[in-house]
């Protein structure tokens, strides 16, 4: 049998560290997307005509 020198264990921890960083970054992006969506929702309920005008006239490319 071949003895492992522990490099596999170190490699696993590095992979886990990178995976945690990636997933935390995606989670942060998701939270900001939800915050922006909720903000637009509240603005559109408070000022419906202005928001409609903004999205139809100002953002005409979308």
PDB file of N, CA and C in Angstrom:
ATOM      1  N   UNK A   1       0.826  -1.194   0.000  1.00  0.00           N
ATOM      2  CA  UNK A   1       0.000   0.000   0.000  1.00  0.00           C
ATOM      3  C   UNK A   1       0.868   1.255   0.000  1.00  0.00           C
ATOM      4  N   UNK A   2       0.305   2.280  -0.564  1.00  0.00           N
ATOM      5  CA  UNK A   2       1.028   3.550  -0.640  1.00  0.00           C
ATOM      6  C   UNK A   2       0.607   4.425   0.533  1.00  0.00           C
ATOM      7  N   UNK A   3       1.602   4.978   1.201  1.00  0.00           N
ATOM      8  CA  UNK A   3       1.306   5.867   2.325  1.00  0.00           C
ATOM      9  C   UNK A   3       1.072   7.279   1.797  1.00  0.00           C
ATOM     10  N   UNK A   4       0.063   7.920   2.327  1.00  0.00           N
ATOM     11  CA  UNK A   4      -0.175   9.310   1.920  1.00  0.00           C
ATOM     12  C   UNK A   4       0.645  10.231   2.816  1.00  0.00           C
ATOM     13  N   UNK A   5       1.131  11.298   2.237  1.00  0.00           N
ATOM     14  CA  UNK A   5       1.983  12.207   2.988  1.00  0.00           C
ATOM     15  C   UNK A   5       1.206  13.406   3.551  1.00  0.00           C
ATOM     16  N   UNK A   6      -0.100  13.413   3.413  1.00  0.00           N
ATOM     17  CA  UNK A   6      -0.894  14.505   3.967  1.00  0.00           C
ATOM     18  C   UNK A   6      -1.187  15.600   2.974  1.00  0.00           C
ATOM     19  N   UNK A   7      -0.609  15.526   1.768  1.00  0.00           N
ATOM     20  CA  UNK A   7      -0.846  16.578   0.779  1.00  0.00           C
ATOM     21  C   UNK A   7      -2.284  16.555   0.279  1.00  0.00           C
ATOM     22  N   UNK A   8      -2.904  15.356   0.268  1.00  0.00           N
ATOM     23  CA  UNK A   8      -4.312  15.273  -0.133  1.00  0.00           C
ATOM     24  C   UNK A   8      -5.191  16.023   0.851  1.00  0.00           C
ATOM     25  N   UNK A   9      -4.855  15.904   2.122  1.00  0.00           N
ATOM     26  CA  UNK A   9      -5.643  16.589   3.148  1.00  0.00           C
ATOM     27  C   UNK A   9      -5.497  18.106   2.998  1.00  0.00           C
ATOM     28  N   UNK A  10      -4.298  18.571   2.719  1.00  0.00           N
ATOM     29  CA  UNK A  10      -4.068  19.992   2.529  1.00  0.00           C
ATOM     30  C   UNK A  10      -4.791  20.472   1.282  1.00  0.00           C
ATOM     31  N   UNK A  11      -4.766  19.688   0.233  1.00  0.00           N
ATOM     32  CA  UNK A  11      -5.446  20.053  -1.009  1.00  0.00           C
ATOM     33  C   UNK A  11      -6.946  20.157  -0.784  1.00  0.00           C
ATOM     34  N   UNK A  12      -7.501  19.226  -0.014  1.00  0.00           N
ATOM     35  CA  UNK A  12      -8.930  19.264   0.295  1.00  0.00           C
ATOM     36  C   UNK A  12      -9.293  20.531   1.052  1.00  0.00           C
ATOM     37  N   UNK A  13      -8.471  20.946   1.995  1.00  0.00           N
ATOM     38  CA  UNK A  13      -8.783  22.148   2.760  1.00  0.00           C
ATOM     39  C   UNK A  13      -8.697  23.385   1.878  1.00  0.00           C
ATOM     40  N   UNK A  14      -7.754  23.413   0.927  1.00  0.00           N
ATOM     41  CA  UNK A  14      -7.655  24.547   0.012  1.00  0.00           C
ATOM     42  C   UNK A  14      -8.879  24.616  -0.895  1.00  0.00           C
ATOM     43  N   UNK A  15      -9.333  23.473  -1.366  1.00  0.00           N
ATOM     44  CA  UNK A  15     -10.522  23.427  -2.214  1.00  0.00           C
ATOM     45  C   UNK A  15     -11.743  23.882  -1.417  1.00  0.00           C
ATOM     46  N   UNK A  16     -11.858  23.420  -0.184  1.00  0.00           N
ATOM     47  CA  UNK A  16     -12.976  23.832   0.660  1.00  0.00           C
ATOM     48  C   UNK A  16     -12.942  25.328   0.924  1.00  0.00           C
ATOM     49  N   UNK A  17     -11.761  25.890   1.121  1.00  0.00           N
ATOM     50  CA  UNK A  17     -11.622  27.328   1.357  1.00  0.00           C
ATOM     51  C   UNK A  17     -12.077  28.126   0.136  1.00  0.00           C
ATOM     52  N   UNK A  18     -11.650  27.710  -1.040  1.00  0.00           N
ATOM     53  CA  UNK A  18     -12.052  28.396  -2.271  1.00  0.00           C
ATOM     54  C   UNK A  18     -13.554  28.263  -2.479  1.00  0.00           C
ATOM     55  N   UNK A  19     -14.105  27.095  -2.205  1.00  0.00           N
ATOM     56  CA  UNK A  19     -15.545  26.885  -2.365  1.00  0.00           C
ATOM     57  C   UNK A  19     -16.325  27.784  -1.414  1.00  0.00           C
ATOM     58  N   UNK A  20     -15.866  27.916  -0.181  1.00  0.00           N
ATOM     59  CA  UNK A  20     -16.553  28.799   0.771  1.00  0.00           C
ATOM     60  C   UNK A  20     -16.507  30.245   0.307  1.00  0.00           C
ATOM     61  N   UNK A  21     -15.358  30.697  -0.224  1.00  0.00           N
ATOM     62  CA  UNK A  21     -15.247  32.075  -0.700  1.00  0.00           C
ATOM     63  C   UNK A  21     -16.177  32.334  -1.874  1.00  0.00           C
ATOM     64  N   UNK A  22     -16.269  31.382  -2.790  1.00  0.00           N
ATOM     65  CA  UNK A  22     -17.141  31.536  -3.957  1.00  0.00           C
ATOM     66  C   UNK A  22     -18.593  31.580  -3.528  1.00  0.00           C
ATOM     67  N   UNK A  23     -18.994  30.658  -2.655  1.00  0.00           N
ATOM     68  CA  UNK A  23     -20.385  30.612  -2.234  1.00  0.00           C
ATOM     69  C   UNK A  23     -20.754  31.829  -1.393  1.00  0.00           C
ATOM     70  N   UNK A  24     -19.838  32.348  -0.595  1.00  0.00           N
ATOM     71  CA  UNK A  24     -20.154  33.532   0.190  1.00  0.00           C
ATOM     72  C   UNK A  24     -20.283  34.746  -0.724  1.00  0.00           C
ATOM     73  N   UNK A  25     -19.501  34.792  -1.784  1.00  0.00           N
ATOM     74  CA  UNK A  25     -19.611  35.874  -2.750  1.00  0.00           C
ATOM     75  C   UNK A  25     -20.952  35.819  -3.470  1.00  0.00           C
ATOM     76  N   UNK A  26     -21.370  34.615  -3.861  1.00  0.00           N
ATOM     77  CA  UNK A  26     -22.669  34.477  -4.522  1.00  0.00           C
ATOM     78  C   UNK A  26     -23.800  34.830  -3.574  1.00  0.00           C
ATOM     79  N   UNK A  27     -23.669  34.456  -2.319  1.00  0.00           N
ATOM     80  CA  UNK A  27     -24.693  34.784  -1.330  1.00  0.00           C
ATOM     81  C   UNK A  27     -24.785  36.288  -1.155  1.00  0.00           C
ATOM     82  N   UNK A  28     -23.651  36.971  -1.118  1.00  0.00           N
ATOM     83  CA  UNK A  28     -23.624  38.424  -0.993  1.00  0.00           C
ATOM     84  C   UNK A  28     -24.305  39.075  -2.193  1.00  0.00           C
ATOM     85  N   UNK A  29     -24.046  38.575  -3.385  1.00  0.00           N
ATOM     86  CA  UNK A  29     -24.693  39.111  -4.584  1.00  0.00           C
ATOM     87  C   UNK A  29     -26.199  38.886  -4.545  1.00  0.00           C
ATOM     88  N   UNK A  30     -26.619  37.727  -4.073  1.00  0.00           N
ATOM     89  CA  UNK A  30     -28.052  37.438  -3.965  1.00  0.00           C
ATOM     90  C   UNK A  30     -28.728  38.374  -2.973  1.00  0.00           C
ATOM     91  N   UNK A  31     -28.064  38.636  -1.861  1.00  0.00           N
ATOM     92  CA  UNK A  31     -28.641  39.532  -0.854  1.00  0.00           C
ATOM     93  C   UNK A  31     -28.780  40.941  -1.424  1.00  0.00           C
ATOM     94  N   UNK A  32     -27.766  41.420  -2.145  1.00  0.00           N
ATOM     95  CA  UNK A  32     -27.858  42.756  -2.742  1.00  0.00           C
ATOM     96  C   UNK A  32     -28.948  42.818  -3.806  1.00  0.00           C
ATOM     97  N   UNK A  33     -29.132  41.755  -4.568  1.00  0.00           N
ATOM     98  CA  UNK A  33     -30.202  41.727  -5.569  1.00  0.00           C
ATOM     99  C   UNK A  33     -31.568  41.801  -4.903  1.00  0.00           C
ATOM    100  N   UNK A  34     -31.731  41.104  -3.794  1.00  0.00           N
ATOM    101  CA  UNK A  34     -33.003  41.153  -3.062  1.00  0.00           C
ATOM    102  C   UNK A  34     -33.233  42.537  -2.478  1.00  0.00           C
ATOM    103  N   UNK A  35     -32.199  43.150  -1.933  1.00  0.00           N
ATOM    104  CA  UNK A  35     -32.331  44.501  -1.371  1.00  0.00           C
ATOM    105  C   UNK A  35     -32.734  45.502  -2.448  1.00  0.00           C
ATOM    106  N   UNK A  36     -32.117  45.420  -3.617  1.00  0.00           N
ATOM    107  CA  UNK A  36     -32.454  46.334  -4.714  1.00  0.00           C
ATOM    108  C   UNK A  36     -33.878  46.098  -5.188  1.00  0.00           C
ATOM    109  N   UNK A  37     -34.291  44.840  -5.308  1.00  0.00           N
ATOM    110  CA  UNK A  37     -35.653  44.530  -5.748  1.00  0.00           C
ATOM    111  C   UNK A  37     -36.687  45.039  -4.746  1.00  0.00           C
ATOM    112  N   UNK A  38     -36.422  44.865  -3.458  1.00  0.00           N
ATOM    113  CA  UNK A  38     -37.351  45.353  -2.440  1.00  0.00           C
ATOM    114  C   UNK A  38     -37.409  46.879  -2.466  1.00  0.00           C
ATOM    115  N   UNK A  39     -36.269  47.520  -2.659  1.00  0.00           N
ATOM    116  CA  UNK A  39     -36.241  48.987  -2.751  1.00  0.00           C
ATOM    117  C   UNK A  39     -37.061  49.494  -3.922  1.00  0.00           C
ATOM    118  N   UNK A  40     -36.914  48.861  -5.073  1.00  0.00           N
ATOM    119  CA  UNK A  40     -37.701  49.263  -6.243  1.00  0.00           C
ATOM    120  C   UNK A  40     -39.177  48.988  -6.017  1.00  0.00           C
ATOM    121  N   UNK A  41     -39.502  47.892  -5.346  1.00  0.00           N
ATOM    122  CA  UNK A  41     -40.902  47.593  -5.043  1.00  0.00           C
ATOM    123  C   UNK A  41     -41.512  48.688  -4.175  1.00  0.00           C
ATOM    124  N   UNK A  42     -40.820  49.085  -3.111  1.00  0.00           N
ATOM    125  CA  UNK A  42     -41.360  50.122  -2.229  1.00  0.00           C
ATOM    126  C   UNK A  42     -41.458  51.469  -2.945  1.00  0.00           C
ATOM    127  N   UNK A  43     -40.460  51.791  -3.767  1.00  0.00           N
ATOM    128  CA  UNK A  43     -40.544  53.035  -4.537  1.00  0.00           C
ATOM    129  C   UNK A  43     -41.693  53.007  -5.527  1.00  0.00           C
ATOM    130  N   UNK A  44     -41.927  51.856  -6.139  1.00  0.00           N
ATOM    131  CA  UNK A  44     -43.012  51.780  -7.121  1.00  0.00           C
ATOM    132  C   UNK A  44     -44.388  51.823  -6.460  1.00  0.00           C
ATOM    133  N   UNK A  45     -44.482  51.384  -5.214  1.00  0.00           N
ATOM    134  CA  UNK A  45     -45.771  51.519  -4.527  1.00  0.00           C
ATOM    135  C   UNK A  45     -45.977  52.940  -4.028  1.00  0.00           C
ATOM    136  N   UNK A  46     -44.900  53.635  -3.676  1.00  0.00           N
ATOM    137  CA  UNK A  46     -45.019  55.010  -3.190  1.00  0.00           C
ATOM    138  C   UNK A  46     -45.172  56.004  -4.339  1.00  0.00           C
ATOM    139  N   UNK A  47     -44.459  55.790  -5.438  1.00  0.00           N
ATOM    140  CA  UNK A  47     -44.476  56.719  -6.571  1.00  0.00           C
ATOM    141  C   UNK A  47     -44.684  55.950  -7.872  1.00  0.00           C
ATOM    142  N   UNK A  48     -45.860  55.412  -8.109  1.00  0.00           N
ATOM    143  CA  UNK A  48     -46.047  54.543  -9.281  1.00  0.00           C
ATOM    144  C   UNK A  48     -45.886  55.266 -10.617  1.00  0.00           C
ATOM    145  N   UNK A  49     -46.409  56.461 -10.719  1.00  0.00           N
ATOM    146  CA  UNK A  49     -46.340  57.179 -11.997  1.00  0.00           C
ATOM    147  C   UNK A  49     -44.904  57.583 -12.338  1.00  0.00           C
ATOM    148  N   UNK A  50     -44.147  58.038 -11.352  1.00  0.00           N
ATOM    149  CA  UNK A  50     -42.759  58.437 -11.589  1.00  0.00           C
ATOM    150  C   UNK A  50     -41.893  57.232 -11.956  1.00  0.00           C
ATOM    151  N   UNK A  51     -42.107  56.117 -11.296  1.00  0.00           N
ATOM    152  CA  UNK A  51     -41.330  54.909 -11.606  1.00  0.00           C
ATOM    153  C   UNK A  51     -41.677  54.401 -12.998  1.00  0.00           C
ATOM    154  N   UNK A  52     -42.955  54.417 -13.337  1.00  0.00           N
ATOM    155  CA  UNK A  52     -43.368  53.986 -14.676  1.00  0.00           C
ATOM    156  C   UNK A  52     -42.754  54.898 -15.743  1.00  0.00           C
ATOM    157  N   UNK A  53     -42.785  56.195 -15.487  1.00  0.00           N
ATOM    158  CA  UNK A  53     -42.184  57.151 -16.419  1.00  0.00           C
ATOM    159  C   UNK A  53     -40.675  56.907 -16.543  1.00  0.00           C
ATOM    160  N   UNK A  54     -40.009  56.642 -15.427  1.00  0.00           N
ATOM    161  CA  UNK A  54     -38.571  56.389 -15.451  1.00  0.00           C
ATOM    162  C   UNK A  54     -38.234  55.173 -16.298  1.00  0.00           C
ATOM    163  N   UNK A  55     -38.978  54.080 -16.111  1.00  0.00           N
ATOM    164  CA  UNK A  55     -38.665  52.850 -16.841  1.00  0.00           C
ATOM    165  C   UNK A  55     -39.103  52.905 -18.301  1.00  0.00           C
ATOM    166  N   UNK A  56     -40.086  53.723 -18.636  1.00  0.00           N
ATOM    167  CA  UNK A  56     -40.522  53.782 -20.039  1.00  0.00           C
ATOM    168  C   UNK A  56     -39.771  54.850 -20.829  1.00  0.00           C
ATOM    169  N   UNK A  57     -39.472  55.973 -20.216  1.00  0.00           N
ATOM    170  CA  UNK A  57     -38.846  57.077 -20.946  1.00  0.00           C
ATOM    171  C   UNK A  57     -37.332  57.124 -20.787  1.00  0.00           C
ATOM    172  N   UNK A  58     -36.849  56.941 -19.575  1.00  0.00           N
ATOM    173  CA  UNK A  58     -35.409  57.081 -19.321  1.00  0.00           C
ATOM    174  C   UNK A  58     -34.670  55.817 -19.727  1.00  0.00           C
ATOM    175  N   UNK A  59     -35.189  54.662 -19.364  1.00  0.00           N
ATOM    176  CA  UNK A  59     -34.536  53.402 -19.694  1.00  0.00           C
ATOM    177  C   UNK A  59     -35.170  52.801 -20.941  1.00  0.00           C
ATOM    178  N   UNK A  60     -35.189  53.564 -22.009  1.00  0.00           N
ATOM    179  CA  UNK A  60     -35.857  53.125 -23.233  1.00  0.00           C
ATOM    180  C   UNK A  60     -35.123  51.973 -23.899  1.00  0.00           C
ATOM    181  N   UNK A  61     -33.864  51.739 -23.582  1.00  0.00           N
ATOM    182  CA  UNK A  61     -33.132  50.631 -24.192  1.00  0.00           C
ATOM    183  C   UNK A  61     -33.572  49.281 -23.639  1.00  0.00           C
ATOM    184  N   UNK A  62     -34.137  49.278 -22.452  1.00  0.00           N
ATOM    185  CA  UNK A  62     -34.544  48.020 -21.826  1.00  0.00           C
ATOM    186  C   UNK A  62     -35.988  47.797 -22.110  1.00  0.00           C
TER     187      UNK A  62
END
